[in-house]
Amino acid sequence: MLEESEITRGLVGKYVDTYAFVDGRFEVRWKGRSLPYKIFDMDQRVTHAAITGNKRLSAVLEHIKEMQDAAPPKPKVRTNSEKMGYKPNGRRPGRPSGSRAKKKIVLAAEQAQE
């Protein structure tokens, strides 16, 4: 979740870029600018303090806590890069591009015709 600021208020409904790095870092960017964020915990747990602090819901919260404790732990979700063991190869060899390379190709073609 993006933290609220002047920049992020204007981004409602817009796309941002997310970057997951190999070393475990995660970054959210918009137009090249890094944005502050918080990770939303999908696996929130009921604590004993919540049960004793809320007398009306204590029975329900206690039941939920028992169910959560009995459930097996969820496995960590890995990115495709982590699963497949991504290793950057650098640039691939192939036909060169650019103005100099095109001039060389044209000159070689002209010499071949002579």
Protein backbone atom coordinates (compact mmCIF):
# COMPACT_ATOMS: atom_id res chain seq x y z
CA MET A 1 0.00 0.00 0.00
CA LEU A 2 1.37 3.41 -0.91
CA GLU A 3 1.81 5.80 1.99
CA GLU A 4 -0.27 8.93 1.63
CA SER A 5 1.56 12.03 0.35
CA GLU A 6 1.07 14.85 -2.14
CA ILE A 7 2.38 12.69 -4.99
CA THR A 8 0.49 9.50 -4.16
CA ARG A 9 -2.88 11.28 -3.74
CA GLY A 10 -2.79 12.08 -7.46
CA LEU A 11 -2.01 8.49 -8.43
CA VAL A 12 -5.39 7.00 -7.56
CA GLY A 13 -6.44 4.77 -10.46
CA LYS A 14 -3.08 5.09 -12.25
CA TYR A 15 -0.45 2.44 -12.92
CA VAL A 16 2.89 2.44 -11.10
CA ASP A 17 6.01 0.36 -11.77
CA THR A 18 7.04 -2.28 -9.25
CA TYR A 19 10.55 -3.71 -9.03
CA ALA A 20 11.47 -6.92 -7.17
CA PHE A 21 15.25 -7.22 -6.97
CA VAL A 22 17.24 -10.45 -6.63
CA ASP A 23 18.58 -9.42 -3.22
CA GLY A 24 15.01 -9.28 -1.84
CA ARG A 25 14.43 -5.54 -2.10
CA PHE A 26 11.13 -4.26 -3.45
CA GLU A 27 10.53 -0.82 -4.89
CA VAL A 28 7.52 1.09 -6.21
CA ARG A 29 8.20 3.84 -8.77
CA TRP A 30 6.17 6.34 -10.74
CA LYS A 31 7.89 8.22 -13.58
CA GLY A 32 11.28 7.16 -12.19
CA ARG A 33 10.58 8.47 -8.69
CA SER A 34 10.64 6.02 -5.79
CA LEU A 35 7.44 6.04 -3.71
CA PRO A 36 7.12 5.20 0.00
CA TYR A 37 4.97 2.14 0.72
CA LYS A 38 3.85 -0.29 3.43
CA ILE A 39 3.48 -4.01 2.94
CA PHE A 40 -0.06 -5.16 3.71
CA ASP A 41 0.02 -8.31 5.81
CA MET A 42 -2.55 -10.72 4.36
CA ASP A 43 -1.94 -13.21 7.16
CA GLN A 44 -3.05 -11.15 10.15
CA ARG A 45 -3.39 -13.05 13.41
CA VAL A 46 -5.75 -12.60 16.37
CA THR A 47 -3.82 -11.91 19.56
CA HIS A 48 -4.69 -12.66 23.16
CA ALA A 49 -4.82 -8.90 23.84
CA ALA A 50 -7.52 -8.45 21.21
CA ILE A 51 -9.61 -11.21 22.81
CA THR A 52 -9.40 -9.81 26.36
CA GLY A 53 -9.79 -6.18 25.21
CA ASN A 54 -13.06 -6.76 23.37
CA LYS A 55 -15.66 -8.34 25.69
CA ARG A 56 -18.50 -8.49 23.14
CA LEU A 57 -16.46 -10.30 20.51
CA SER A 58 -14.22 -12.32 22.81
CA ALA A 59 -15.94 -15.67 22.09
CA VAL A 60 -15.77 -15.16 18.33
CA LEU A 61 -12.17 -13.93 18.44
CA GLU A 62 -11.16 -16.89 20.60
CA HIS A 63 -12.74 -19.28 18.06
CA ILE A 64 -10.90 -17.54 15.18
CA LYS A 65 -7.60 -17.75 17.06
CA GLU A 66 -8.09 -21.51 17.59
CA MET A 67 -8.77 -21.97 13.87
CA GLN A 68 -5.68 -19.94 12.91
CA ASP A 69 -3.46 -21.89 15.29
CA ALA A 70 -4.72 -25.22 13.89
CA ALA A 71 -4.19 -24.19 10.23
CA PRO A 72 -0.87 -25.19 8.60
CA PRO A 73 1.51 -22.30 7.76
CA LYS A 74 1.30 -20.93 4.24
CA PRO A 75 4.33 -21.39 1.95
CA LYS A 76 6.29 -18.32 0.84
CA VAL A 77 5.25 -17.19 -2.64
CA ARG A 78 8.27 -16.84 -4.95
CA THR A 79 8.56 -14.73 -8.08
CA ASN A 80 9.20 -16.31 -11.49
CA SER A 81 12.80 -15.05 -11.34
CA GLU A 82 13.31 -16.90 -8.04
CA LYS A 83 11.64 -20.07 -9.33
CA MET A 84 13.53 -20.27 -12.60
CA GLY A 85 16.90 -19.05 -11.29
CA TYR A 86 17.14 -15.98 -13.53
CA LYS A 87 20.68 -15.10 -14.60
CA PRO A 88 21.21 -12.08 -16.88
CA ASN A 89 23.06 -12.99 -20.08
CA GLY A 90 23.92 -9.51 -21.26
CA ARG A 91 23.28 -8.49 -24.83
CA ARG A 92 22.64 -11.23 -27.33
CA PRO A 93 24.77 -11.38 -30.46
CA GLY A 94 22.92 -10.65 -33.64
CA ARG A 95 22.59 -8.17 -36.39
CA PRO A 96 24.05 -4.83 -35.27
CA SER A 97 21.79 -1.81 -35.20
CA GLY A 98 22.59 1.87 -35.35
CA SER A 99 23.69 4.32 -38.03
CA ARG A 100 27.31 3.12 -38.22
CA ALA A 101 26.30 -0.50 -38.52
CA LYS A 102 23.81 0.36 -41.29
CA LYS A 103 26.51 2.23 -43.23
CA LYS A 104 28.80 -0.81 -42.97
CA ILE A 105 26.03 -3.08 -44.27
CA VAL A 106 25.35 -0.74 -47.24
CA LEU A 107 29.09 -0.48 -48.08
CA ALA A 108 29.48 -4.27 -47.90
CA ALA A 109 26.48 -4.72 -50.20
CA GLU A 110 27.89 -2.20 -52.71
CA GLN A 111 31.30 -3.90 -52.68
CA ALA A 112 29.67 -7.28 -53.22
CA GLN A 113 27.89 -5.98 -56.33
CA GLU A 114 31.17 -4.76 -57.92
